[in-house]
Structure formats: structure tokens, C-alpha cells
Amino acid sequence: MTETVDGVPASPAAVAAQSELIAPRMREHLTLTPLATFHGVADELGTEALVKCEHLQRTGSFKARGALAKVLTLTAEQRDRGVVTASSGNHGLGVALALSVLGGRGIVFVPDTASPVKVAAIRRFGAEVRGHGSDSGAMETLAREYAGEHDLVYVSPYNDLDVIAGQGTIGVEMLEQAGGCGLDAVFVSVGGGGLISGVASVLKRRLPGVRVFGASPSADAAMAASVAAGRVVPVDARPTLSDGTAGSVEDGAVTLGLCRALVDDWVLVDEAAIRAALRLVIDTEHQLIEGAAAVAVAAALARREELRGQRVAIVSCGANIAASTLAAALTAA
């Protein structure tokens, strides 16, 4: 698969090369998160389970990587004039952090359903928050139009090669941390596809035999449906605990082609499975993760029979969950 975005190649090889190039810059500002054994998850899987703990990232989410990678490409004048983005929360938080570190001002369009925890954190970093509607995908169109009308830079949450390469630095670190034994299977939660596109590009370049599983809530699996259709398609989305993956895919998203080329299989999990995975991690590891991270854990558990004897990695993408949402998830039948 080779496409271009503004004349720049969008092949997995190009993404991987860019991720490896910028990985050292990420470490100047962000946390080198561990690739740790989660014994409770391993016991349930019946095999070795390594978790890349992006829930311990500086903003509580992997999104800080892609946002920083993009903002690093901007001039001081562009940052000062203003950066616009759309987000269900975590990407906006990443952009706000990047601007607080490098200087500049930001406007983040969020759906009215965005987690109040994430919205409050965005504001603490100094960015302006604007809420409109209930669909994260619609926010992307609105934010992009606003940026164009006011001559500001728009930073996509996933439909941007710099952002995707930033997420790919997770894969660079995973390779270093996994050592010579490598990895047999990797589970990654999927919303717009930026995370799995970046991570899979890097891992498959170095470990061509690794199987990459895309994980999504069955209530809102826009990318999985689009990959199946071969084009971006709308889905009848329902509420999900995985707010970090919620929302439609932008028309023309470069991540569609990357996902088609890189994702070996898709696993859709229901809300009960997401809640069970969330409880498992909290009860056995005593670490807080959000619903989107629990989706990847739930997907691995759903495929446990075919994973026996394999070295499995799970990307835990974030920890930004509201107390009320967590309480409801833990007490639901």
C-alpha cells in the first residue's frame, strides 16, 4: 500500500522510518512507558502477556506522542497564531500539553459527550475548549473548517502522517523493551486508526511475522466496518465505555489504507467484556486504565485459545476515565 498525503509517501515503511527518526525527540518531553508483565491478564490468557503502559504516559494517554510529533513540525509563528484540533479528549489533551511545552495557543473542539476529566485537563494546560454536538467525527469537520477560515493550523487526531509517526514511537520502544525474544501477537485499540497504523508499521518492519489485531467496541467500530467495505462508511454507533475510540472516520483518512495493509484481524468486543477487562486490570494489577485500553485487553482475552504458547503484547492506550464512569463500570451487572 502506497498513498501520498500532500505529496508525502504514506506507506508503512515510510511511517516506520519517520517513527524511528523522531523517537529520541519524544523522550525529551514524554515518559518512556514500561512494557510490563500483567500477571492477572497472563493467567487469564494462559500465556505470556506484556502490556505497553501508555496509561502511565504524561497526559494519561498515548495521544501525547502524535500531538507532540506534529506540533514539533510547526514554526513558532504558527504556534503563536494558534493551533486547532478536534478530539474526544485525549488528543486534545496531547495538543494542549505540546503547546504548553513548546509555546503557543490552542483551540480544541470536543463533543458534548466528552469526558469531563479530559476536558478539565485540557483547560489546565491552557487550551480553549469548544463543545459542539455528540459525534467526534463531526467535530473534525467543524474544527478543520474553523482552522481554514482563520488561517490556523489544524492538527488531526489521526489523519496526518506526522501524528501517525508519533504514535509509532510506541512500537520503537516496544521493540527495544521486548528484547531478542520478539513478539508473536499485538492487540491495539482502534478508533481513527492512528495508533495501530503507527505501531504496526514499526513492528511489522522489524518483526514481519507478528500478527496485529485491531480491537474495537462492537457498539462503535467505524474503522473495522470501513476496512471491510474498502471505503469509509458510516456506522450506527451506540454509547460505549470506550469513549477514546468513539466517533466516525474522516473521509479520505490515510489510516484506512494503512489499516487495510497492516491489521491481520479485527476483534469486536461488547460492553460486558470491556467492563470485565477493566475490572481484571484494576483488581490484579491495581492500575487504572480507561475503557479504550480495556478494549485491547478484552480483545486478547476473546482470542485466548489461539494465543496459547505465544508472546502477546497489549497496548494499554490510556487512563483518563471519570470517577463516575469508573464507578458505573465497576458496579454494573
C-alpha atoms as a PDB file:
ATOM      1  CA  MET A   1       0.000   0.000   0.000  1.00  0.00           C
ATOM      2  CA  THR A   2       1.466   3.342  -1.059  1.00  0.00           C
ATOM      3  CA  GLU A   3      -0.506   6.545  -0.971  1.00  0.00           C
ATOM      4  CA  THR A   4       0.549  10.143  -0.550  1.00  0.00           C
ATOM      5  CA  VAL A   5      -0.570  12.978   1.684  1.00  0.00           C
ATOM      6  CA  ASP A   6       0.433  16.363   0.292  1.00  0.00           C
ATOM      7  CA  GLY A   7       2.998  14.533  -1.825  1.00  0.00           C
ATOM      8  CA  VAL A   8       4.485  12.608   1.105  1.00  0.00           C
ATOM      9  CA  PRO A   9       4.514   8.786   0.859  1.00  0.00           C
ATOM     10  CA  ALA A  10       2.064   7.095   3.232  1.00  0.00           C
ATOM     11  CA  SER A  11       3.492   3.593   3.091  1.00  0.00           C
ATOM     12  CA  PRO A  12       4.092   1.544   6.267  1.00  0.00           C
ATOM     13  CA  ALA A  13       7.830   1.676   5.516  1.00  0.00           C
ATOM     14  CA  ALA A  14       7.770   5.478   5.374  1.00  0.00           C
ATOM     15  CA  VAL A  15       5.801   5.703   8.613  1.00  0.00           C
ATOM     16  CA  ALA A  16       8.188   3.303  10.361  1.00  0.00           C
ATOM     17  CA  ALA A  17      11.243   5.234   9.205  1.00  0.00           C
ATOM     18  CA  GLN A  18       9.772   8.505  10.453  1.00  0.00           C
ATOM     19  CA  SER A  19       8.834   6.943  13.810  1.00  0.00           C
ATOM     20  CA  GLU A  20      12.366   5.704  14.346  1.00  0.00           C
ATOM     21  CA  LEU A  21      13.753   9.105  13.387  1.00  0.00           C
ATOM     22  CA  ILE A  22      11.653  11.095  15.850  1.00  0.00           C
ATOM     23  CA  ALA A  23      11.652   8.642  18.784  1.00  0.00           C
ATOM     24  CA  PRO A  24      14.569  10.415  20.532  1.00  0.00           C
ATOM     25  CA  ARG A  25      12.678  13.730  20.409  1.00  0.00           C
ATOM     26  CA  MET A  26       9.706  12.172  22.181  1.00  0.00           C
ATOM     27  CA  ARG A  27      11.912  11.153  25.094  1.00  0.00           C
ATOM     28  CA  GLU A  28      12.970  14.756  25.659  1.00  0.00           C
ATOM     29  CA  HIS A  29       9.422  15.636  26.729  1.00  0.00           C
ATOM     30  CA  LEU A  30       7.438  12.444  27.375  1.00  0.00           C
ATOM     31  CA  THR A  31       7.605   9.341  29.539  1.00  0.00           C
ATOM     32  CA  LEU A  32       9.323   6.144  28.417  1.00  0.00           C
ATOM     33  CA  THR A  33       6.480   3.881  29.489  1.00  0.00           C
ATOM     34  CA  PRO A  34       7.208   0.300  30.582  1.00  0.00           C
ATOM     35  CA  LEU A  35       6.412  -2.896  28.705  1.00  0.00           C
ATOM     36  CA  ALA A  36       5.375  -4.857  31.775  1.00  0.00           C
ATOM     37  CA  THR A  37       4.076  -8.334  32.509  1.00  0.00           C
ATOM     38  CA  PHE A  38       0.494  -8.207  33.759  1.00  0.00           C
ATOM     39  CA  HIS A  39       0.234 -11.459  35.668  1.00  0.00           C
ATOM     40  CA  GLY A  40      -3.549 -11.441  36.060  1.00  0.00           C
ATOM     41  CA  VAL A  41      -4.049 -10.961  32.339  1.00  0.00           C
ATOM     42  CA  ALA A  42      -1.392 -13.612  31.611  1.00  0.00           C
ATOM     43  CA  ASP A  43      -3.180 -16.083  33.878  1.00  0.00           C
ATOM     44  CA  GLU A  44      -6.457 -15.489  32.034  1.00  0.00           C
ATOM     45  CA  LEU A  45      -4.771 -15.801  28.639  1.00  0.00           C
ATOM     46  CA  GLY A  46      -2.742 -18.839  29.595  1.00  0.00           C
ATOM     47  CA  THR A  47       0.382 -17.349  28.020  1.00  0.00           C
ATOM     48  CA  GLU A  48       2.882 -14.517  28.436  1.00  0.00           C
ATOM     49  CA  ALA A  49       1.205 -11.098  28.389  1.00  0.00           C
ATOM     50  CA  LEU A  50       3.199  -7.883  28.112  1.00  0.00           C
ATOM     51  CA  VAL A  51       1.397  -4.566  28.424  1.00  0.00           C
ATOM     52  CA  LYS A  52       2.778  -1.327  26.986  1.00  0.00           C
ATOM     53  CA  CYS A  53       1.658   1.058  29.707  1.00  0.00           C
ATOM     54  CA  GLU A  54       0.691   4.213  27.854  1.00  0.00           C
ATOM     55  CA  HIS A  55      -1.837   4.766  30.629  1.00  0.00           C
ATOM     56  CA  LEU A  56       1.252   5.930  32.549  1.00  0.00           C
ATOM     57  CA  GLN A  57       2.133   8.464  29.839  1.00  0.00           C
ATOM     58  CA  ARG A  58       2.468  12.102  30.884  1.00  0.00           C
ATOM     59  CA  THR A  59      -1.075  13.044  29.858  1.00  0.00           C
ATOM     60  CA  GLY A  60      -2.500   9.657  30.763  1.00  0.00           C
ATOM     61  CA  SER A  61      -2.716   8.713  27.072  1.00  0.00           C
ATOM     62  CA  PHE A  62      -0.628   7.719  24.050  1.00  0.00           C
ATOM     63  CA  LYS A  63      -2.113  10.686  22.191  1.00  0.00           C
ATOM     64  CA  ALA A  64       0.575  12.933  23.665  1.00  0.00           C
ATOM     65  CA  ARG A  65       3.038  11.353  21.235  1.00  0.00           C
ATOM     66  CA  GLY A  66       1.289  12.112  17.960  1.00  0.00           C
ATOM     67  CA  ALA A  67       0.312  15.580  19.086  1.00  0.00           C
ATOM     68  CA  LEU A  68       3.862  16.447  20.118  1.00  0.00           C
ATOM     69  CA  ALA A  69       5.298  14.995  16.910  1.00  0.00           C
ATOM     70  CA  LYS A  70       3.033  17.252  14.859  1.00  0.00           C
ATOM     71  CA  VAL A  71       3.486  20.402  16.918  1.00  0.00           C
ATOM     72  CA  LEU A  72       7.269  19.947  16.708  1.00  0.00           C
ATOM     73  CA  THR A  73       6.981  20.451  12.925  1.00  0.00           C
ATOM     74  CA  LEU A  74       5.327  23.866  13.313  1.00  0.00           C
ATOM     75  CA  THR A  75       7.109  27.208  13.431  1.00  0.00           C
ATOM     76  CA  ALA A  76       6.920  29.437  16.492  1.00  0.00           C
ATOM     77  CA  GLU A  77       4.806  31.866  14.446  1.00  0.00           C
ATOM     78  CA  GLN A  78       2.323  29.113  13.566  1.00  0.00           C
ATOM     79  CA  ARG A  79       2.056  28.029  17.198  1.00  0.00           C
ATOM     80  CA  ASP A  80       1.626  31.599  18.390  1.00  0.00           C
ATOM     81  CA  ARG A  81      -1.100  32.313  15.824  1.00  0.00           C
ATOM     82  CA  GLY A  82      -2.963  29.246  17.012  1.00  0.00           C
ATOM     83  CA  VAL A  83      -3.471  25.520  16.582  1.00  0.00           C
ATOM     84  CA  VAL A  84      -6.915  23.950  16.178  1.00  0.00           C
ATOM     85  CA  THR A  85      -7.878  20.340  16.738  1.00  0.00           C
ATOM     86  CA  ALA A  86     -10.856  18.062  17.312  1.00  0.00           C
ATOM     87  CA  SER A  87     -10.874  15.350  19.928  1.00  0.00           C
ATOM     88  CA  SER A  88     -12.969  13.136  22.160  1.00  0.00           C
ATOM     89  CA  GLY A  89     -10.477  14.234  24.833  1.00  0.00           C
ATOM     90  CA  ASN A  90      -7.080  12.557  24.807  1.00  0.00           C
ATOM     91  CA  HIS A  91      -5.748  14.022  21.551  1.00  0.00           C
ATOM     92  CA  GLY A  92      -6.844  17.490  22.615  1.00  0.00           C
ATOM     93  CA  LEU A  93      -5.020  16.952  25.881  1.00  0.00           C
ATOM     94  CA  GLY A  94      -1.905  15.939  23.952  1.00  0.00           C
ATOM     95  CA  VAL A  95      -2.042  19.043  21.776  1.00  0.00           C
ATOM     96  CA  ALA A  96      -2.560  21.239  24.835  1.00  0.00           C
ATOM     97  CA  LEU A  97       0.478  19.664  26.521  1.00  0.00           C
ATOM     98  CA  ALA A  98       2.641  20.106  23.423  1.00  0.00           C
ATOM     99  CA  LEU A  99       1.724  23.784  23.218  1.00  0.00           C
ATOM    100  CA  SER A 100       2.377  24.308  26.918  1.00  0.00           C
ATOM    101  CA  VAL A 101       5.850  22.791  26.481  1.00  0.00           C
ATOM    102  CA  LEU A 102       6.808  24.406  23.164  1.00  0.00           C
ATOM    103  CA  GLY A 103       4.749  27.593  23.406  1.00  0.00           C
ATOM    104  CA  GLY A 104       1.626  28.596  21.547  1.00  0.00           C
ATOM    105  CA  ARG A 105      -2.138  28.678  21.898  1.00  0.00           C
ATOM    106  CA  GLY A 106      -4.718  26.064  21.065  1.00  0.00           C
ATOM    107  CA  ILE A 107      -8.433  25.590  20.466  1.00  0.00           C
ATOM    108  CA  VAL A 108      -9.883  22.110  20.978  1.00  0.00           C
ATOM    109  CA  PHE A 109     -13.300  21.164  19.588  1.00  0.00           C
ATOM    110  CA  VAL A 110     -14.856  18.353  21.633  1.00  0.00           C
ATOM    111  CA  PRO A 111     -18.230  16.605  21.508  1.00  0.00           C
ATOM    112  CA  ASP A 112     -20.664  17.424  24.288  1.00  0.00           C
ATOM    113  CA  THR A 113     -20.267  13.819  25.433  1.00  0.00           C
ATOM    114  CA  ALA A 114     -16.524  14.203  26.069  1.00  0.00           C
ATOM    115  CA  SER A 115     -15.245  13.022  29.447  1.00  0.00           C
ATOM    116  CA  PRO A 116     -15.287  15.941  31.913  1.00  0.00           C
ATOM    117  CA  VAL A 117     -11.988  14.667  33.306  1.00  0.00           C
ATOM    118  CA  LYS A 118     -10.338  15.069  29.914  1.00  0.00           C
ATOM    119  CA  VAL A 119     -11.934  18.459  29.251  1.00  0.00           C
ATOM    120  CA  ALA A 120     -10.759  19.790  32.619  1.00  0.00           C
ATOM    121  CA  ALA A 121      -7.228  18.565  31.941  1.00  0.00           C
ATOM    122  CA  ILE A 122      -7.170  20.285  28.521  1.00  0.00           C
ATOM    123  CA  ARG A 123      -8.121  23.556  30.162  1.00  0.00           C
ATOM    124  CA  ARG A 124      -5.458  23.136  32.861  1.00  0.00           C
ATOM    125  CA  PHE A 125      -2.825  23.078  30.123  1.00  0.00           C
ATOM    126  CA  GLY A 126      -4.159  26.401  28.867  1.00  0.00           C
ATOM    127  CA  ALA A 127      -6.076  25.460  25.717  1.00  0.00           C
ATOM    128  CA  GLU A 128      -9.547  26.765  24.888  1.00  0.00           C
ATOM    129  CA  VAL A 129     -12.301  24.132  24.736  1.00  0.00           C
ATOM    130  CA  ARG A 130     -15.347  24.390  22.482  1.00  0.00           C
ATOM    131  CA  GLY A 131     -18.101  21.777  22.699  1.00  0.00           C
ATOM    132  CA  HIS A 132     -20.488  21.056  19.856  1.00  0.00           C
ATOM    133  CA  GLY A 133     -22.742  18.089  19.140  1.00  0.00           C
ATOM    134  CA  SER A 134     -22.243  14.451  20.051  1.00  0.00           C
ATOM    135  CA  ASP A 135     -20.103  12.972  17.239  1.00  0.00           C
ATOM    136  CA  SER A 136     -16.310  13.175  17.371  1.00  0.00           C
ATOM    137  CA  GLY A 137     -16.187  12.732  13.608  1.00  0.00           C
ATOM    138  CA  ALA A 138     -18.388  15.779  13.048  1.00  0.00           C
ATOM    139  CA  MET A 139     -16.065  17.763  15.305  1.00  0.00           C
ATOM    140  CA  GLU A 140     -13.194  17.061  12.902  1.00  0.00           C
ATOM    141  CA  THR A 141     -15.036  18.685  10.013  1.00  0.00           C
ATOM    142  CA  LEU A 142     -16.028  21.665  12.149  1.00  0.00           C
ATOM    143  CA  ALA A 143     -12.532  22.181  13.510  1.00  0.00           C
ATOM    144  CA  ARG A 144     -10.888  21.823  10.100  1.00  0.00           C
ATOM    145  CA  GLU A 145     -13.275  24.411   8.631  1.00  0.00           C
ATOM    146  CA  TYR A 146     -12.645  26.803  11.532  1.00  0.00           C
ATOM    147  CA  ALA A 147      -8.883  26.494  11.087  1.00  0.00           C
ATOM    148  CA  GLY A 148      -9.168  27.212   7.365  1.00  0.00           C
ATOM    149  CA  GLU A 149     -11.388  30.244   7.883  1.00  0.00           C
ATOM    150  CA  HIS A 150      -8.988  31.769  10.431  1.00  0.00           C
ATOM    151  CA  ASP A 151      -5.686  30.765   8.804  1.00  0.00           C
ATOM    152  CA  LEU A 152      -4.746  28.478  11.695  1.00  0.00           C
ATOM    153  CA  VAL A 153      -3.030  25.081  11.664  1.00  0.00           C
ATOM    154  CA  TYR A 154      -5.358  22.115  12.063  1.00  0.00           C
ATOM    155  CA  VAL A 155      -3.914  19.062  13.824  1.00  0.00           C
ATOM    156  CA  SER A 156      -5.850  15.904  13.012  1.00  0.00           C
ATOM    157  CA  PRO A 157      -6.185  13.285  15.764  1.00  0.00           C
ATOM    158  CA  TYR A 158      -5.157  10.534  13.308  1.00  0.00           C
ATOM    159  CA  ASN A 159      -5.347  11.605   9.636  1.00  0.00           C
ATOM    160  CA  ASP A 160      -1.813  13.002   9.499  1.00  0.00           C
ATOM    161  CA  LEU A 161       1.486  11.246   8.831  1.00  0.00           C
ATOM    162  CA  ASP A 162       3.369  13.208  11.500  1.00  0.00           C
ATOM    163  CA  VAL A 163       0.752  12.229  14.074  1.00  0.00           C
ATOM    164  CA  ILE A 164       0.821   8.594  12.980  1.00  0.00           C
ATOM    165  CA  ALA A 165       4.622   8.505  13.145  1.00  0.00           C
ATOM    166  CA  GLY A 166       4.457   9.947  16.643  1.00  0.00           C
ATOM    167  CA  GLN A 167       2.198   7.098  17.726  1.00  0.00           C
ATOM    168  CA  GLY A 168       4.623   4.720  16.024  1.00  0.00           C
ATOM    169  CA  THR A 169       7.303   5.617  18.566  1.00  0.00           C
ATOM    170  CA  ILE A 170       5.412   3.277  20.891  1.00  0.00           C
ATOM    171  CA  GLY A 171       6.415   0.462  18.553  1.00  0.00           C
ATOM    172  CA  VAL A 172      10.033   1.639  18.568  1.00  0.00           C
ATOM    173  CA  GLU A 173      10.091   1.389  22.344  1.00  0.00           C
ATOM    174  CA  MET A 174       8.288  -1.958  22.381  1.00  0.00           C
ATOM    175  CA  LEU A 175      10.942  -3.485  20.121  1.00  0.00           C
ATOM    176  CA  GLU A 176      13.702  -2.272  22.415  1.00  0.00           C
ATOM    177  CA  GLN A 177      11.890  -3.471  25.531  1.00  0.00           C
ATOM    178  CA  ALA A 178      10.812  -6.853  24.146  1.00  0.00           C
ATOM    179  CA  GLY A 179      14.407  -7.863  23.506  1.00  0.00           C
ATOM    180  CA  GLY A 180      15.586 -10.725  21.346  1.00  0.00           C
ATOM    181  CA  CYS A 181      12.512 -12.877  22.005  1.00  0.00           C
ATOM    182  CA  GLY A 182      10.339 -10.541  19.948  1.00  0.00           C
ATOM    183  CA  LEU A 183       6.552 -10.676  19.912  1.00  0.00           C
ATOM    184  CA  ASP A 184       4.071 -13.056  18.295  1.00  0.00           C
ATOM    185  CA  ALA A 185       0.842 -11.043  18.570  1.00  0.00           C
ATOM    186  CA  VAL A 186      -0.093  -7.457  19.409  1.00  0.00           C
ATOM    187  CA  PHE A 187      -3.514  -6.082  20.335  1.00  0.00           C
ATOM    188  CA  VAL A 188      -4.250  -2.391  19.764  1.00  0.00           C
ATOM    189  CA  SER A 189      -7.478  -0.452  20.305  1.00  0.00           C
ATOM    190  CA  VAL A 190      -8.734   1.326  17.190  1.00  0.00           C
ATOM    191  CA  GLY A 191     -10.739   4.498  16.748  1.00  0.00           C
ATOM    192  CA  GLY A 192      -9.496   6.556  13.801  1.00  0.00           C
ATOM    193  CA  GLY A 193      -6.589   4.161  13.314  1.00  0.00           C
ATOM    194  CA  GLY A 194      -3.617   6.412  14.010  1.00  0.00           C
ATOM    195  CA  LEU A 195      -2.290   4.323  16.901  1.00  0.00           C
ATOM    196  CA  ILE A 196      -2.456   0.945  15.193  1.00  0.00           C
ATOM    197  CA  SER A 197      -1.135   2.392  11.913  1.00  0.00           C
ATOM    198  CA  GLY A 198       1.961   3.764  13.621  1.00  0.00           C
ATOM    199  CA  VAL A 199       2.641   0.828  15.943  1.00  0.00           C
ATOM    200  CA  ALA A 200       2.028  -1.833  13.278  1.00  0.00           C
ATOM    201  CA  SER A 201       4.193  -0.030  10.707  1.00  0.00           C
ATOM    202  CA  VAL A 202       7.160  -0.175  13.078  1.00  0.00           C
ATOM    203  CA  LEU A 203       6.601  -3.689  14.423  1.00  0.00           C
ATOM    204  CA  LYS A 204       5.997  -5.335  11.055  1.00  0.00           C
ATOM    205  CA  ARG A 205       9.117  -3.730   9.607  1.00  0.00           C
ATOM    206  CA  ARG A 206      11.262  -5.426  12.260  1.00  0.00           C
ATOM    207  CA  LEU A 207       9.069  -8.436  13.070  1.00  0.00           C
ATOM    208  CA  PRO A 208       7.397  -9.408   9.792  1.00  0.00           C
ATOM    209  CA  GLY A 209       5.785 -12.471  11.391  1.00  0.00           C
ATOM    210  CA  VAL A 210       3.974 -10.593  14.165  1.00  0.00           C
ATOM    211  CA  ARG A 211       0.171 -10.691  13.995  1.00  0.00           C
ATOM    212  CA  VAL A 212      -1.560  -7.369  14.621  1.00  0.00           C
ATOM    213  CA  PHE A 213      -5.113  -7.419  15.988  1.00  0.00           C
ATOM    214  CA  GLY A 214      -7.318  -4.353  15.804  1.00  0.00           C
ATOM    215  CA  ALA A 215      -9.673  -4.099  18.786  1.00  0.00           C
ATOM    216  CA  SER A 216     -12.873  -2.062  18.852  1.00  0.00           C
ATOM    217  CA  PRO A 217     -16.120  -1.974  20.808  1.00  0.00           C
ATOM    218  CA  SER A 218     -18.891  -3.681  18.873  1.00  0.00           C
ATOM    219  CA  ALA A 219     -21.057  -0.662  19.708  1.00  0.00           C
ATOM    220  CA  ASP A 220     -18.841   1.685  17.658  1.00  0.00           C
ATOM    221  CA  ALA A 221     -16.414   0.071  15.203  1.00  0.00           C
ATOM    222  CA  ALA A 222     -16.176   2.532  12.323  1.00  0.00           C
ATOM    223  CA  MET A 223     -12.695   1.593  11.131  1.00  0.00           C
ATOM    224  CA  ALA A 224     -13.364  -2.146  11.140  1.00  0.00           C
ATOM    225  CA  ALA A 225     -16.503  -1.552   9.064  1.00  0.00           C
ATOM    226  CA  SER A 226     -14.642   0.748   6.681  1.00  0.00           C
ATOM    227  CA  VAL A 227     -11.820  -1.749   6.170  1.00  0.00           C
ATOM    228  CA  ALA A 228     -14.389  -4.455   5.411  1.00  0.00           C
ATOM    229  CA  ALA A 229     -16.119  -2.181   2.898  1.00  0.00           C
ATOM    230  CA  GLY A 230     -12.904  -0.905   1.337  1.00  0.00           C
ATOM    231  CA  ARG A 231     -14.009   2.689   1.873  1.00  0.00           C
ATOM    232  CA  VAL A 232     -15.065   4.958   4.725  1.00  0.00           C
ATOM    233  CA  VAL A 233     -18.604   4.033   5.721  1.00  0.00           C
ATOM    234  CA  PRO A 234     -20.919   5.366   8.437  1.00  0.00           C
ATOM    235  CA  VAL A 235     -21.919   3.094  11.304  1.00  0.00           C
ATOM    236  CA  ASP A 236     -24.888   3.115  13.631  1.00  0.00           C
ATOM    237  CA  ALA A 237     -22.829   3.890  16.713  1.00  0.00           C
ATOM    238  CA  ARG A 238     -24.137   3.280  20.212  1.00  0.00           C
ATOM    239  CA  PRO A 239     -22.794   4.542  23.555  1.00  0.00           C
ATOM    240  CA  THR A 240     -19.670   2.753  24.745  1.00  0.00           C
ATOM    241  CA  LEU A 241     -17.363   2.746  27.755  1.00  0.00           C
ATOM    242  CA  SER A 242     -14.578   3.161  25.196  1.00  0.00           C
ATOM    243  CA  ASP A 243     -15.100   6.876  24.608  1.00  0.00           C
ATOM    244  CA  GLY A 244     -11.488   7.206  23.448  1.00  0.00           C
ATOM    245  CA  THR A 245     -12.207   5.163  20.297  1.00  0.00           C
ATOM    246  CA  ALA A 246     -15.687   6.551  19.627  1.00  0.00           C
ATOM    247  CA  GLY A 247     -16.620   8.508  16.516  1.00  0.00           C
ATOM    248  CA  SER A 248     -16.693   8.186  12.757  1.00  0.00           C
ATOM    249  CA  VAL A 249     -13.690   8.025  10.425  1.00  0.00           C
ATOM    250  CA  GLU A 250     -12.937  11.119   8.343  1.00  0.00           C
ATOM    251  CA  ASP A 251     -13.490  10.786   4.593  1.00  0.00           C
ATOM    252  CA  GLY A 252     -10.173  10.274   2.845  1.00  0.00           C
ATOM    253  CA  ALA A 253      -8.380   9.202   6.037  1.00  0.00           C
ATOM    254  CA  VAL A 254      -4.916   7.865   5.231  1.00  0.00           C
ATOM    255  CA  THR A 255      -5.300   5.451   8.122  1.00  0.00           C
ATOM    256  CA  LEU A 256      -7.837   3.402   6.155  1.00  0.00           C
ATOM    257  CA  GLY A 257      -5.217   2.245   3.673  1.00  0.00           C
ATOM    258  CA  LEU A 258      -2.675   1.658   6.426  1.00  0.00           C
ATOM    259  CA  CYS A 259      -5.129  -0.408   8.439  1.00  0.00           C
ATOM    260  CA  ARG A 260      -6.046  -2.468   5.390  1.00  0.00           C
ATOM    261  CA  ALA A 261      -2.368  -3.208   4.803  1.00  0.00           C
ATOM    262  CA  LEU A 262      -1.275  -3.801   8.376  1.00  0.00           C
ATOM    263  CA  VAL A 263      -4.093  -5.230  10.513  1.00  0.00           C
ATOM    264  CA  ASP A 264      -4.263  -9.014  10.308  1.00  0.00           C
ATOM    265  CA  ASP A 265      -7.564  -9.467  12.119  1.00  0.00           C
ATOM    266  CA  TRP A 266     -10.285  -7.484  13.854  1.00  0.00           C
ATOM    267  CA  VAL A 267     -11.819  -8.278  17.233  1.00  0.00           C
ATOM    268  CA  LEU A 268     -15.040  -6.553  18.279  1.00  0.00           C
ATOM    269  CA  VAL A 269     -15.949  -6.784  21.964  1.00  0.00           C
ATOM    270  CA  ASP A 270     -19.191  -5.972  23.739  1.00  0.00           C
ATOM    271  CA  GLU A 271     -19.620  -3.676  26.716  1.00  0.00           C
ATOM    272  CA  ALA A 272     -19.738  -6.516  29.247  1.00  0.00           C
ATOM    273  CA  ALA A 273     -16.353  -7.770  28.036  1.00  0.00           C
ATOM    274  CA  ILE A 274     -14.884  -4.259  28.228  1.00  0.00           C
ATOM    275  CA  ARG A 275     -16.097  -3.852  31.803  1.00  0.00           C
ATOM    276  CA  ALA A 276     -14.721  -7.271  32.756  1.00  0.00           C
ATOM    277  CA  ALA A 277     -11.303  -6.408  31.317  1.00  0.00           C
ATOM    278  CA  LEU A 278     -11.287  -3.096  33.170  1.00  0.00           C
ATOM    279  CA  ARG A 279     -12.053  -4.858  36.441  1.00  0.00           C
ATOM    280  CA  LEU A 280      -9.408  -7.504  35.795  1.00  0.00           C
ATOM    281  CA  VAL A 281      -6.621  -4.964  35.371  1.00  0.00           C
ATOM    282  CA  ILE A 282      -7.701  -2.927  38.384  1.00  0.00           C
ATOM    283  CA  ASP A 283      -8.181  -5.972  40.615  1.00  0.00           C
ATOM    284  CA  THR A 284      -4.986  -7.807  39.662  1.00  0.00           C
ATOM    285  CA  GLU A 285      -2.531  -5.041  38.758  1.00  0.00           C
ATOM    286  CA  HIS A 286      -4.023  -2.186  40.799  1.00  0.00           C
ATOM    287  CA  GLN A 287      -3.506   0.135  37.853  1.00  0.00           C
ATOM    288  CA  LEU A 288      -6.135   2.492  36.465  1.00  0.00           C
ATOM    289  CA  ILE A 289      -6.951   2.250  32.769  1.00  0.00           C
ATOM    290  CA  GLU A 290      -9.768   3.740  30.713  1.00  0.00           C
ATOM    291  CA  GLY A 291     -12.364   1.983  28.618  1.00  0.00           C
ATOM    292  CA  ALA A 292     -10.400   2.250  25.370  1.00  0.00           C
ATOM    293  CA  ALA A 293      -7.440   0.476  26.970  1.00  0.00           C
ATOM    294  CA  ALA A 294      -9.719  -2.224  28.362  1.00  0.00           C
ATOM    295  CA  VAL A 295     -10.932  -2.891  24.806  1.00  0.00           C
ATOM    296  CA  ALA A 296      -7.484  -4.194  23.806  1.00  0.00           C
ATOM    297  CA  VAL A 297      -7.321  -6.392  26.916  1.00  0.00           C
ATOM    298  CA  ALA A 298     -10.821  -7.736  26.235  1.00  0.00           C
ATOM    299  CA  ALA A 299      -9.906  -8.484  22.618  1.00  0.00           C
ATOM    300  CA  ALA A 300      -6.867 -10.513  23.674  1.00  0.00           C
ATOM    301  CA  LEU A 301      -8.987 -12.477  26.147  1.00  0.00           C
ATOM    302  CA  ALA A 302     -11.523 -13.170  23.402  1.00  0.00           C
ATOM    303  CA  ARG A 303      -8.766 -14.838  21.335  1.00  0.00           C
ATOM    304  CA  ARG A 304      -7.079 -16.716  24.185  1.00  0.00           C
ATOM    305  CA  GLU A 305      -7.417 -20.151  22.589  1.00  0.00           C
ATOM    306  CA  GLU A 306      -5.399 -19.223  19.511  1.00  0.00           C
ATOM    307  CA  LEU A 307      -2.759 -17.415  21.577  1.00  0.00           C
ATOM    308  CA  ARG A 308      -1.597 -20.354  23.686  1.00  0.00           C
ATOM    309  CA  GLY A 309       2.188 -20.505  23.881  1.00  0.00           C
ATOM    310  CA  GLN A 310       2.660 -17.150  22.170  1.00  0.00           C
ATOM    311  CA  ARG A 311       4.280 -13.974  23.446  1.00  0.00           C
ATOM    312  CA  VAL A 312       1.441 -11.469  23.433  1.00  0.00           C
ATOM    313  CA  ALA A 313       1.650  -7.686  23.765  1.00  0.00           C
ATOM    314  CA  ILE A 314      -1.251  -5.363  24.520  1.00  0.00           C
ATOM    315  CA  VAL A 315      -1.093  -1.591  24.114  1.00  0.00           C
ATOM    316  CA  SER A 316      -2.860  -0.001  27.082  1.00  0.00           C
ATOM    317  CA  CYS A 317      -3.662   3.311  25.447  1.00  0.00           C
ATOM    318  CA  GLY A 318      -4.819   5.491  28.350  1.00  0.00           C
ATOM    319  CA  ALA A 319      -6.088   6.046  31.868  1.00  0.00           C
ATOM    320  CA  ASN A 320      -8.310   9.107  31.592  1.00  0.00           C
ATOM    321  CA  ILE A 321     -11.605   7.892  32.963  1.00  0.00           C
ATOM    322  CA  ALA A 322     -14.042   9.934  35.056  1.00  0.00           C
ATOM    323  CA  ALA A 323     -14.753   8.692  38.580  1.00  0.00           C
ATOM    324  CA  SER A 324     -18.474   8.460  37.851  1.00  0.00           C
ATOM    325  CA  THR A 325     -17.836   6.411  34.679  1.00  0.00           C
ATOM    326  CA  LEU A 326     -15.454   4.130  36.531  1.00  0.00           C
ATOM    327  CA  ALA A 327     -17.891   3.600  39.380  1.00  0.00           C
ATOM    328  CA  ALA A 328     -20.675   2.738  36.963  1.00  0.00           C
ATOM    329  CA  ALA A 329     -18.463   0.302  35.070  1.00  0.00           C
ATOM    330  CA  LEU A 330     -17.301  -1.466  38.211  1.00  0.00           C
ATOM    331  CA  THR A 331     -20.775  -1.847  39.694  1.00  0.00           C
ATOM    332  CA  ALA A 332     -22.699  -2.796  36.537  1.00  0.00           C
ATOM    333  CA  ALA A 333     -24.069  -6.313  36.417  1.00  0.00           C
END
